[in-house]
Amino acid sequence: MELNAIYDKGRVKFIQPVRFVRDRINIRIVVSDDDVVPMKNGQSEPMEARKSTFPYDLEGQSQRLRERLDRIRHAPLPPNDAIPPLTEKQTGRMEAFAHRGDLRRER
């Protein structure tokens, strides 16, 4: 039987729903030579260059998050007079966290 599927970021997705008799079967995939990266030492070159076990989509997302956090970490602090005063709610939350810390130290 011939089934059509799409390779999408490390996964093969069948175009139409299909149900197999067993959970594990052998599948032959025919792909154009132009769509395949030559193998080197049993792995494709992009996987060796990445040295990561994350799928491509997760790695890209995690990289964007790391870059965003780095921009926040390295951003200069605003001058003290530019910081607005704490609201009553913020002050209450800070007091609650301090009280919780005191309770944990007493244990």
PDB file of N, CA and C in Angstrom:
ATOM      1  N   MET A   1       0.841  -1.179   0.000  1.00  0.00           N
ATOM      2  CA  MET A   1       0.000   0.000   0.000  1.00  0.00           C
ATOM      3  C   MET A   1       0.883   1.238   0.000  1.00  0.00           C
ATOM      4  N   GLU A   2       0.455   2.248  -0.693  1.00  0.00           N
ATOM      5  CA  GLU A   2       1.210   3.491  -0.749  1.00  0.00           C
ATOM      6  C   GLU A   2       0.434   4.560   0.016  1.00  0.00           C
ATOM      7  N   LEU A   3       1.125   5.207   0.994  1.00  0.00           N
ATOM      8  CA  LEU A   3       0.511   6.253   1.803  1.00  0.00           C
ATOM      9  C   LEU A   3       1.289   7.550   1.625  1.00  0.00           C
ATOM     10  N   ASN A   4       0.620   8.667   1.637  1.00  0.00           N
ATOM     11  CA  ASN A   4       1.277   9.958   1.537  1.00  0.00           C
ATOM     12  C   ASN A   4       1.430  10.558   2.930  1.00  0.00           C
ATOM     13  N   ALA A   5       2.602  11.171   3.145  1.00  0.00           N
ATOM     14  CA  ALA A   5       2.872  11.778   4.442  1.00  0.00           C
ATOM     15  C   ALA A   5       3.741  13.007   4.235  1.00  0.00           C
ATOM     16  N   ILE A   6       3.834  13.820   5.278  1.00  0.00           N
ATOM     17  CA  ILE A   6       4.682  15.014   5.259  1.00  0.00           C
ATOM     18  C   ILE A   6       5.650  14.921   6.427  1.00  0.00           C
ATOM     19  N   TYR A   7       6.923  15.160   6.142  1.00  0.00           N
ATOM     20  CA  TYR A   7       7.932  15.229   7.193  1.00  0.00           C
ATOM     21  C   TYR A   7       7.928  16.656   7.724  1.00  0.00           C
ATOM     22  N   ASP A   8       7.694  16.812   9.036  1.00  0.00           N
ATOM     23  CA  ASP A   8       7.595  18.139   9.638  1.00  0.00           C
ATOM     24  C   ASP A   8       8.385  18.166  10.938  1.00  0.00           C
ATOM     25  N   LYS A   9       9.574  18.768  10.880  1.00  0.00           N
ATOM     26  CA  LYS A   9      10.406  18.981  12.067  1.00  0.00           C
ATOM     27  C   LYS A   9      10.624  17.707  12.872  1.00  0.00           C
ATOM     28  N   GLY A  10      11.052  16.661  12.213  1.00  0.00           N
ATOM     29  CA  GLY A  10      11.397  15.428  12.904  1.00  0.00           C
ATOM     30  C   GLY A  10      10.283  14.409  13.009  1.00  0.00           C
ATOM     31  N   ARG A  11       9.116  14.716  12.494  1.00  0.00           N
ATOM     32  CA  ARG A  11       7.995  13.786  12.581  1.00  0.00           C
ATOM     33  C   ARG A  11       7.383  13.563  11.206  1.00  0.00           C
ATOM     34  N   VAL A  12       6.938  12.350  10.985  1.00  0.00           N
ATOM     35  CA  VAL A  12       6.249  12.012   9.748  1.00  0.00           C
ATOM     36  C   VAL A  12       4.759  12.028  10.057  1.00  0.00           C
ATOM     37  N   LYS A  13       4.005  12.870   9.338  1.00  0.00           N
ATOM     38  CA  LYS A  13       2.566  12.990   9.557  1.00  0.00           C
ATOM     39  C   LYS A  13       1.844  12.530   8.299  1.00  0.00           C
ATOM     40  N   PHE A  14       0.971  11.559   8.457  1.00  0.00           N
ATOM     41  CA  PHE A  14       0.210  11.067   7.316  1.00  0.00           C
ATOM     42  C   PHE A  14      -0.834  12.102   6.918  1.00  0.00           C
ATOM     43  N   ILE A  15      -1.039  12.245   5.617  1.00  0.00           N
ATOM     44  CA  ILE A  15      -1.982  13.235   5.114  1.00  0.00           C
ATOM     45  C   ILE A  15      -3.415  12.823   5.462  1.00  0.00           C
ATOM     46  N   GLN A  16      -3.710  11.548   5.315  1.00  0.00           N
ATOM     47  CA  GLN A  16      -5.024  11.033   5.699  1.00  0.00           C
ATOM     48  C   GLN A  16      -4.843  10.129   6.915  1.00  0.00           C
ATOM     49  N   PRO A  17      -5.828  10.070   7.803  1.00  0.00           N
ATOM     50  CA  PRO A  17      -5.707   9.191   8.976  1.00  0.00           C
ATOM     51  C   PRO A  17      -5.497   7.741   8.544  1.00  0.00           C
ATOM     52  N   VAL A  18      -4.637   7.065   9.265  1.00  0.00           N
ATOM     53  CA  VAL A  18      -4.343   5.667   8.959  1.00  0.00           C
ATOM     54  C   VAL A  18      -4.216   4.918  10.280  1.00  0.00           C
ATOM     55  N   ARG A  19      -4.690   3.668  10.290  1.00  0.00           N
ATOM     56  CA  ARG A  19      -4.608   2.832  11.486  1.00  0.00           C
ATOM     57  C   ARG A  19      -3.924   1.542  11.100  1.00  0.00           C
ATOM     58  N   PHE A  20      -2.844   1.218  11.818  1.00  0.00           N
ATOM     59  CA  PHE A  20      -2.076   0.017  11.513  1.00  0.00           C
ATOM     60  C   PHE A  20      -2.518  -1.143  12.399  1.00  0.00           C
ATOM     61  N   VAL A  21      -2.266  -2.372  11.910  1.00  0.00           N
ATOM     62  CA  VAL A  21      -2.647  -3.576  12.641  1.00  0.00           C
ATOM     63  C   VAL A  21      -1.782  -3.733  13.898  1.00  0.00           C
ATOM     64  N   ARG A  22      -0.494  -3.372  13.799  1.00  0.00           N
ATOM     65  CA  ARG A  22       0.435  -3.493  14.933  1.00  0.00           C
ATOM     66  C   ARG A  22       0.957  -2.117  15.313  1.00  0.00           C
ATOM     67  N   ASP A  23       1.501  -2.005  16.520  1.00  0.00           N
ATOM     68  CA  ASP A  23       2.065  -0.741  16.979  1.00  0.00           C
ATOM     69  C   ASP A  23       3.400  -0.431  16.317  1.00  0.00           C
ATOM     70  N   ARG A  24       4.116  -1.453  15.887  1.00  0.00           N
ATOM     71  CA  ARG A  24       5.435  -1.249  15.291  1.00  0.00           C
ATOM     72  C   ARG A  24       5.500  -1.969  13.944  1.00  0.00           C
ATOM     73  N   ILE A  25       5.760  -1.190  12.872  1.00  0.00           N
ATOM     74  CA  ILE A  25       5.869  -1.776  11.535  1.00  0.00           C
ATOM     75  C   ILE A  25       7.048  -1.140  10.809  1.00  0.00           C
ATOM     76  N   ASN A  26       7.524  -1.785   9.779  1.00  0.00           N
ATOM     77  CA  ASN A  26       8.580  -1.227   8.927  1.00  0.00           C
ATOM     78  C   ASN A  26       7.931  -0.371   7.844  1.00  0.00           C
ATOM     79  N   ILE A  27       8.545   0.764   7.580  1.00  0.00           N
ATOM     80  CA  ILE A  27       8.047   1.677   6.559  1.00  0.00           C
ATOM     81  C   ILE A  27       9.191   2.055   5.642  1.00  0.00           C
ATOM     82  N   ARG A  28       8.927   2.123   4.344  1.00  0.00           N
ATOM     83  CA  ARG A  28       9.914   2.586   3.374  1.00  0.00           C
ATOM     84  C   ARG A  28       9.502   3.979   2.936  1.00  0.00           C
ATOM     85  N   ILE A  29      10.437   4.909   2.982  1.00  0.00           N
ATOM     86  CA  ILE A  29      10.164   6.285   2.607  1.00  0.00           C
ATOM     87  C   ILE A  29      11.013   6.641   1.402  1.00  0.00           C
ATOM     88  N   VAL A  30      10.393   7.168   0.369  1.00  0.00           N
ATOM     89  CA  VAL A  30      11.101   7.572  -0.843  1.00  0.00           C
ATOM     90  C   VAL A  30      11.154   9.096  -0.860  1.00  0.00           C
ATOM     91  N   VAL A  31      12.380   9.644  -0.889  1.00  0.00           N
ATOM     92  CA  VAL A  31      12.577  11.093  -0.839  1.00  0.00           C
ATOM     93  C   VAL A  31      13.553  11.490  -1.932  1.00  0.00           C
ATOM     94  N   SER A  32      13.356  12.666  -2.492  1.00  0.00           N
ATOM     95  CA  SER A  32      14.258  13.187  -3.509  1.00  0.00           C
ATOM     96  C   SER A  32      15.641  13.425  -2.903  1.00  0.00           C
ATOM     97  N   ASP A  33      16.696  13.177  -3.656  1.00  0.00           N
ATOM     98  CA  ASP A  33      18.058  13.405  -3.178  1.00  0.00           C
ATOM     99  C   ASP A  33      18.295  14.866  -2.789  1.00  0.00           C
ATOM    100  N   ASP A  34      17.587  15.780  -3.420  1.00  0.00           N
ATOM    101  CA  ASP A  34      17.742  17.203  -3.113  1.00  0.00           C
ATOM    102  C   ASP A  34      17.216  17.565  -1.727  1.00  0.00           C
ATOM    103  N   ASP A  35      16.354  16.716  -1.164  1.00  0.00           N
ATOM    104  CA  ASP A  35      15.750  17.010   0.129  1.00  0.00           C
ATOM    105  C   ASP A  35      16.472  16.344   1.298  1.00  0.00           C
ATOM    106  N   VAL A  36      17.604  15.683   1.049  1.00  0.00           N
ATOM    107  CA  VAL A  36      18.312  14.942   2.100  1.00  0.00           C
ATOM    108  C   VAL A  36      19.710  15.497   2.278  1.00  0.00           C
ATOM    109  N   VAL A  37      20.103  15.696   3.547  1.00  0.00           N
ATOM    110  CA  VAL A  37      21.463  16.126   3.859  1.00  0.00           C
ATOM    111  C   VAL A  37      22.323  14.866   3.927  1.00  0.00           C
ATOM    112  N   PRO A  38      23.490  14.856   3.263  1.00  0.00           N
ATOM    113  CA  PRO A  38      24.345  13.662   3.310  1.00  0.00           C
ATOM    114  C   PRO A  38      24.711  13.282   4.747  1.00  0.00           C
ATOM    115  N   MET A  39      24.758  11.981   5.012  1.00  0.00           N
ATOM    116  CA  MET A  39      25.062  11.477   6.351  1.00  0.00           C
ATOM    117  C   MET A  39      26.566  11.465   6.591  1.00  0.00           C
ATOM    118  N   LYS A  40      26.940  11.693   7.843  1.00  0.00           N
ATOM    119  CA  LYS A  40      28.344  11.657   8.230  1.00  0.00           C
ATOM    120  C   LYS A  40      28.438  10.948   9.575  1.00  0.00           C
ATOM    121  N   ASN A  41      29.164   9.850   9.646  1.00  0.00           N
ATOM    122  CA  ASN A  41      29.336   9.075  10.876  1.00  0.00           C
ATOM    123  C   ASN A  41      28.002   8.652  11.493  1.00  0.00           C
ATOM    124  N   GLY A  42      27.045   8.264  10.675  1.00  0.00           N
ATOM    125  CA  GLY A  42      25.781   7.769  11.183  1.00  0.00           C
ATOM    126  C   GLY A  42      24.789   8.848  11.587  1.00  0.00           C
ATOM    127  N   GLN A  43      25.149  10.122  11.488  1.00  0.00           N
ATOM    128  CA  GLN A  43      24.232  11.200  11.821  1.00  0.00           C
ATOM    129  C   GLN A  43      24.261  12.239  10.718  1.00  0.00           C
ATOM    130  N   SER A  44      23.165  12.987  10.619  1.00  0.00           N
ATOM    131  CA  SER A  44      23.159  14.059   9.632  1.00  0.00           C
ATOM    132  C   SER A  44      23.987  15.221  10.152  1.00  0.00           C
ATOM    133  N   GLU A  45      24.566  15.998   9.289  1.00  0.00           N
ATOM    134  CA  GLU A  45      25.425  17.111   9.685  1.00  0.00           C
ATOM    135  C   GLU A  45      24.716  18.131  10.578  1.00  0.00           C
ATOM    136  N   PRO A  46      23.455  18.513  10.288  1.00  0.00           N
ATOM    137  CA  PRO A  46      22.826  19.483  11.177  1.00  0.00           C
ATOM    138  C   PRO A  46      22.713  18.996  12.612  1.00  0.00           C
ATOM    139  N   MET A  47      22.442  17.709  12.823  1.00  0.00           N
ATOM    140  CA  MET A  47      22.343  17.190  14.188  1.00  0.00           C
ATOM    141  C   MET A  47      23.694  17.260  14.881  1.00  0.00           C
ATOM    142  N   GLU A  48      24.789  16.973  14.180  1.00  0.00           N
ATOM    143  CA  GLU A  48      26.122  17.061  14.794  1.00  0.00           C
ATOM    144  C   GLU A  48      26.451  18.493  15.153  1.00  0.00           C
ATOM    145  N   ALA A  49      26.090  19.421  14.296  1.00  0.00           N
ATOM    146  CA  ALA A  49      26.402  20.828  14.560  1.00  0.00           C
ATOM    147  C   ALA A  49      25.611  21.343  15.747  1.00  0.00           C
ATOM    148  N   ARG A  50      24.390  20.879  15.914  1.00  0.00           N
ATOM    149  CA  ARG A  50      23.543  21.358  17.008  1.00  0.00           C
ATOM    150  C   ARG A  50      23.973  20.794  18.352  1.00  0.00           C
ATOM    151  N   LYS A  51      24.338  19.509  18.388  1.00  0.00           N
ATOM    152  CA  LYS A  51      24.664  18.799  19.617  1.00  0.00           C
ATOM    153  C   LYS A  51      23.552  18.961  20.650  1.00  0.00           C
ATOM    154  N   SER A  52      22.310  18.779  20.229  1.00  0.00           N
ATOM    155  CA  SER A  52      21.162  18.921  21.103  1.00  0.00           C
ATOM    156  C   SER A  52      20.217  17.766  20.858  1.00  0.00           C
ATOM    157  N   THR A  53      19.458  17.403  21.886  1.00  0.00           N
ATOM    158  CA  THR A  53      18.469  16.345  21.736  1.00  0.00           C
ATOM    159  C   THR A  53      17.074  16.908  21.528  1.00  0.00           C
ATOM    160  N   PHE A  54      16.912  18.253  21.555  1.00  0.00           N
ATOM    161  CA  PHE A  54      15.612  18.866  21.344  1.00  0.00           C
ATOM    162  C   PHE A  54      15.239  18.820  19.875  1.00  0.00           C
ATOM    163  N   PRO A  55      13.953  18.650  19.581  1.00  0.00           N
ATOM    164  CA  PRO A  55      13.517  18.813  18.192  1.00  0.00           C
ATOM    165  C   PRO A  55      13.800  20.243  17.731  1.00  0.00           C
ATOM    166  N   TYR A  56      13.887  20.433  16.419  1.00  0.00           N
ATOM    167  CA  TYR A  56      14.232  21.745  15.867  1.00  0.00           C
ATOM    168  C   TYR A  56      13.314  22.849  16.377  1.00  0.00           C
ATOM    169  N   ASP A  57      11.988  22.596  16.428  1.00  0.00           N
ATOM    170  CA  ASP A  57      11.069  23.658  16.832  1.00  0.00           C
ATOM    171  C   ASP A  57      11.270  24.058  18.289  1.00  0.00           C
ATOM    172  N   LEU A  58      11.544  23.098  19.171  1.00  0.00           N
ATOM    173  CA  LEU A  58      11.783  23.422  20.578  1.00  0.00           C
ATOM    174  C   LEU A  58      13.121  24.120  20.761  1.00  0.00           C
ATOM    175  N   GLU A  59      14.104  23.706  20.002  1.00  0.00           N
ATOM    176  CA  GLU A  59      15.412  24.354  20.128  1.00  0.00           C
ATOM    177  C   GLU A  59      15.338  25.814  19.697  1.00  0.00           C
ATOM    178  N   GLY A  60      14.639  26.097  18.625  1.00  0.00           N
ATOM    179  CA  GLY A  60      14.485  27.480  18.180  1.00  0.00           C
ATOM    180  C   GLY A  60      13.731  28.322  19.196  1.00  0.00           C
ATOM    181  N   GLN A  61      12.682  27.737  19.754  1.00  0.00           N
ATOM    182  CA  GLN A  61      11.896  28.458  20.760  1.00  0.00           C
ATOM    183  C   GLN A  61      12.727  28.706  22.014  1.00  0.00           C
ATOM    184  N   SER A  62      13.486  27.705  22.457  1.00  0.00           N
ATOM    185  CA  SER A  62      14.307  27.888  23.659  1.00  0.00           C
ATOM    186  C   SER A  62      15.418  28.908  23.404  1.00  0.00           C
ATOM    187  N   GLN A  63      15.968  28.928  22.201  1.00  0.00           N
ATOM    188  CA  GLN A  63      17.004  29.908  21.878  1.00  0.00           C
ATOM    189  C   GLN A  63      16.436  31.330  21.930  1.00  0.00           C
ATOM    190  N   ARG A  64      15.225  31.519  21.395  1.00  0.00           N
ATOM    191  CA  ARG A  64      14.599  32.840  21.443  1.00  0.00           C
ATOM    192  C   ARG A  64      14.336  33.275  22.886  1.00  0.00           C
ATOM    193  N   LEU A  65      13.903  32.341  23.723  1.00  0.00           N
ATOM    194  CA  LEU A  65      13.674  32.668  25.133  1.00  0.00           C
ATOM    195  C   LEU A  65      14.973  33.023  25.849  1.00  0.00           C
ATOM    196  N   ARG A  66      16.053  32.275  25.558  1.00  0.00           N
ATOM    197  CA  ARG A  66      17.361  32.592  26.167  1.00  0.00           C
ATOM    198  C   ARG A  66      17.822  33.979  25.759  1.00  0.00           C
ATOM    199  N   GLU A  67      17.657  34.314  24.484  1.00  0.00           N
ATOM    200  CA  GLU A  67      18.054  35.646  24.012  1.00  0.00           C
ATOM    201  C   GLU A  67      17.229  36.735  24.686  1.00  0.00           C
ATOM    202  N   ARG A  68      15.938  36.489  24.843  1.00  0.00           N
ATOM    203  CA  ARG A  68      15.073  37.473  25.502  1.00  0.00           C
ATOM    204  C   ARG A  68      15.495  37.666  26.962  1.00  0.00           C
ATOM    205  N   LEU A  69      15.758  36.569  27.662  1.00  0.00           N
ATOM    206  CA  LEU A  69      16.198  36.669  29.053  1.00  0.00           C
ATOM    207  C   LEU A  69      17.547  37.366  29.160  1.00  0.00           C
ATOM    208  N   ASP A  70      18.447  37.097  28.233  1.00  0.00           N
ATOM    209  CA  ASP A  70      19.748  37.778  28.250  1.00  0.00           C
ATOM    210  C   ASP A  70      19.588  39.282  28.061  1.00  0.00           C
ATOM    211  N   ARG A  71      18.677  39.691  27.164  1.00  0.00           N
ATOM    212  CA  ARG A  71      18.436  41.131  26.981  1.00  0.00           C
ATOM    213  C   ARG A  71      17.916  41.763  28.265  1.00  0.00           C
ATOM    214  N   ILE A  72      17.032  41.044  28.983  1.00  0.00           N
ATOM    215  CA  ILE A  72      16.491  41.557  30.240  1.00  0.00           C
ATOM    216  C   ILE A  72      17.585  41.614  31.307  1.00  0.00           C
ATOM    217  N   ARG A  73      18.387  40.534  31.402  1.00  0.00           N
ATOM    218  CA  ARG A  73      19.454  40.481  32.410  1.00  0.00           C
ATOM    219  C   ARG A  73      20.491  41.580  32.223  1.00  0.00           C
ATOM    220  N   HIS A  74      20.811  41.890  30.985  1.00  0.00           N
ATOM    221  CA  HIS A  74      21.894  42.829  30.695  1.00  0.00           C
ATOM    222  C   HIS A  74      21.404  44.256  30.460  1.00  0.00           C
ATOM    223  N   ALA A  75      20.103  44.463  30.584  1.00  0.00           N
ATOM    224  CA  ALA A  75      19.565  45.811  30.390  1.00  0.00           C
ATOM    225  C   ALA A  75      19.991  46.696  31.566  1.00  0.00           C
ATOM    226  N   PRO A  76      20.318  47.948  31.310  1.00  0.00           N
ATOM    227  CA  PRO A  76      20.712  48.835  32.412  1.00  0.00           C
ATOM    228  C   PRO A  76      19.525  49.113  33.334  1.00  0.00           C
ATOM    229  N   LEU A  77      19.807  49.280  34.619  1.00  0.00           N
ATOM    230  CA  LEU A  77      18.754  49.591  35.580  1.00  0.00           C
ATOM    231  C   LEU A  77      18.332  51.047  35.421  1.00  0.00           C
ATOM    232  N   PRO A  78      17.050  51.322  35.617  1.00  0.00           N
ATOM    233  CA  PRO A  78      16.608  52.713  35.520  1.00  0.00           C
ATOM    234  C   PRO A  78      17.102  53.501  36.739  1.00  0.00           C
ATOM    235  N   PRO A  79      17.216  54.797  36.617  1.00  0.00           N
ATOM    236  CA  PRO A  79      17.611  55.591  37.781  1.00  0.00           C
ATOM    237  C   PRO A  79      16.538  55.510  38.865  1.00  0.00           C
ATOM    238  N   ASN A  80      16.954  55.642  40.124  1.00  0.00           N
ATOM    239  CA  ASN A  80      16.031  55.490  41.257  1.00  0.00           C
ATOM    240  C   ASN A  80      14.851  56.448  41.183  1.00  0.00           C
ATOM    241  N   ASP A  81      15.076  57.663  40.715  1.00  0.00           N
ATOM    242  CA  ASP A  81      13.976  58.621  40.670  1.00  0.00           C
ATOM    243  C   ASP A  81      12.965  58.306  39.559  1.00  0.00           C
ATOM    244  N   ALA A  82      13.321  57.401  38.644  1.00  0.00           N
ATOM    245  CA  ALA A  82      12.396  57.012  37.568  1.00  0.00           C
ATOM    246  C   ALA A  82      11.516  55.835  37.974  1.00  0.00           C
ATOM    247  N   ILE A  83      11.835  55.185  39.109  1.00  0.00           N
ATOM    248  CA  ILE A  83      11.057  54.027  39.557  1.00  0.00           C
ATOM    249  C   ILE A  83       9.850  54.528  40.341  1.00  0.00           C
ATOM    250  N   PRO A  84       8.641  54.124  39.954  1.00  0.00           N
ATOM    251  CA  PRO A  84       7.453  54.588  40.681  1.00  0.00           C
ATOM    252  C   PRO A  84       7.396  53.953  42.071  1.00  0.00           C
ATOM    253  N   PRO A  85       6.744  54.588  43.016  1.00  0.00           N
ATOM    254  CA  PRO A  85       6.624  54.003  44.356  1.00  0.00           C
ATOM    255  C   PRO A  85       5.790  52.728  44.311  1.00  0.00           C
ATOM    256  N   LEU A  86       6.027  51.835  45.284  1.00  0.00           N
ATOM    257  CA  LEU A  86       5.294  50.574  45.347  1.00  0.00           C
ATOM    258  C   LEU A  86       3.834  50.831  45.686  1.00  0.00           C
ATOM    259  N   THR A  87       2.960  50.039  45.070  1.00  0.00           N
ATOM    260  CA  THR A  87       1.538  50.134  45.395  1.00  0.00           C
ATOM    261  C   THR A  87       1.276  49.399  46.699  1.00  0.00           C
ATOM    262  N   GLU A  88       0.098  49.600  47.232  1.00  0.00           N
ATOM    263  CA  GLU A  88      -0.271  48.916  48.483  1.00  0.00           C
ATOM    264  C   GLU A  88      -0.276  47.401  48.282  1.00  0.00           C
ATOM    265  N   LYS A  89      -0.743  46.964  47.133  1.00  0.00           N
ATOM    266  CA  LYS A  89      -0.784  45.524  46.828  1.00  0.00           C
ATOM    267  C   LYS A  89       0.632  44.952  46.767  1.00  0.00           C
ATOM    268  N   GLN A  90       1.559  45.650  46.094  1.00  0.00           N
ATOM    269  CA  GLN A  90       2.942  45.179  45.997  1.00  0.00           C
ATOM    270  C   GLN A  90       3.591  45.119  47.376  1.00  0.00           C
ATOM    271  N   THR A  91       3.351  46.126  48.208  1.00  0.00           N
ATOM    272  CA  THR A  91       3.910  46.141  49.557  1.00  0.00           C
ATOM    273  C   THR A  91       3.371  44.962  50.366  1.00  0.00           C
ATOM    274  N   GLY A  92       2.072  44.709  50.253  1.00  0.00           N
ATOM    275  CA  GLY A  92       1.465  43.573  50.959  1.00  0.00           C
ATOM    276  C   GLY A  92       2.055  42.247  50.518  1.00  0.00           C
ATOM    277  N   ARG A  93       2.286  42.103  49.233  1.00  0.00           N
ATOM    278  CA  ARG A  93       2.877  40.852  48.729  1.00  0.00           C
ATOM    279  C   ARG A  93       4.302  40.669  49.236  1.00  0.00           C
ATOM    280  N   MET A  94       5.062  41.746  49.247  1.00  0.00           N
ATOM    281  CA  MET A  94       6.440  41.647  49.746  1.00  0.00           C
ATOM    282  C   MET A  94       6.452  41.260  51.216  1.00  0.00           C
ATOM    283  N   GLU A  95       5.536  41.831  52.008  1.00  0.00           N
ATOM    284  CA  GLU A  95       5.441  41.478  53.426  1.00  0.00           C
ATOM    285  C   GLU A  95       5.033  40.022  53.592  1.00  0.00           C
ATOM    286  N   ALA A  96       4.120  39.539  52.759  1.00  0.00           N
ATOM    287  CA  ALA A  96       3.683  38.140  52.837  1.00  0.00           C
ATOM    288  C   ALA A  96       4.833  37.194  52.520  1.00  0.00           C
ATOM    289  N   PHE A  97       5.631  37.498  51.505  1.00  0.00           N
ATOM    290  CA  PHE A  97       6.790  36.654  51.179  1.00  0.00           C
ATOM    291  C   PHE A  97       7.804  36.662  52.318  1.00  0.00           C
ATOM    292  N   ALA A  98       8.026  37.819  52.922  1.00  0.00           N
ATOM    293  CA  ALA A  98       8.968  37.901  54.046  1.00  0.00           C
ATOM    294  C   ALA A  98       8.449  37.081  55.218  1.00  0.00           C
ATOM    295  N   HIS A  99       7.155  37.161  55.487  1.00  0.00           N
ATOM    296  CA  HIS A  99       6.568  36.394  56.593  1.00  0.00           C
ATOM    297  C   HIS A  99       6.690  34.893  56.326  1.00  0.00           C
ATOM    298  N   ARG A 100       6.432  34.479  55.091  1.00  0.00           N
ATOM    299  CA  ARG A 100       6.566  33.059  54.741  1.00  0.00           C
ATOM    300  C   ARG A 100       8.005  32.596  54.925  1.00  0.00           C
ATOM    301  N   GLY A 101       8.960  33.434  54.545  1.00  0.00           N
ATOM    302  CA  GLY A 101      10.366  33.090  54.750  1.00  0.00           C
ATOM    303  C   GLY A 101      10.701  32.938  56.215  1.00  0.00           C
ATOM    304  N   ASP A 102      10.154  33.815  57.071  1.00  0.00           N
ATOM    305  CA  ASP A 102      10.378  33.713  58.508  1.00  0.00           C
ATOM    306  C   ASP A 102       9.809  32.407  59.052  1.00  0.00           C
ATOM    307  N   LEU A 103       8.606  32.038  58.592  1.00  0.00           N
ATOM    308  CA  LEU A 103       7.980  30.798  59.050  1.00  0.00           C
ATOM    309  C   LEU A 103       8.805  29.587  58.634  1.00  0.00           C
ATOM    310  N   ARG A 104       9.354  29.587  57.463  1.00  0.00           N
ATOM    311  CA  ARG A 104      10.166  28.455  57.004  1.00  0.00           C
ATOM    312  C   ARG A 104      11.461  28.346  57.797  1.00  0.00           C
ATOM    313  N   ARG A 105      12.044  29.466  58.155  1.00  0.00           N
ATOM    314  CA  ARG A 105      13.284  29.437  58.947  1.00  0.00           C
ATOM    315  C   ARG A 105      13.021  28.912  60.354  1.00  0.00           C
ATOM    316  N   GLU A 106      11.827  29.136  60.895  1.00  0.00           N
ATOM    317  CA  GLU A 106      11.486  28.686  62.246  1.00  0.00           C
ATOM    318  C   GLU A 106      11.326  27.183  62.315  1.00  0.00           C
ATOM    319  N   ARG A 107      11.037  26.536  61.215  1.00  0.00           N
ATOM    320  CA  ARG A 107      10.848  25.073  61.209  1.00  0.00           C
ATOM    321  C   ARG A 107      12.078  24.369  61.500  1.00  0.00           C
TER     322      ARG A 107
END
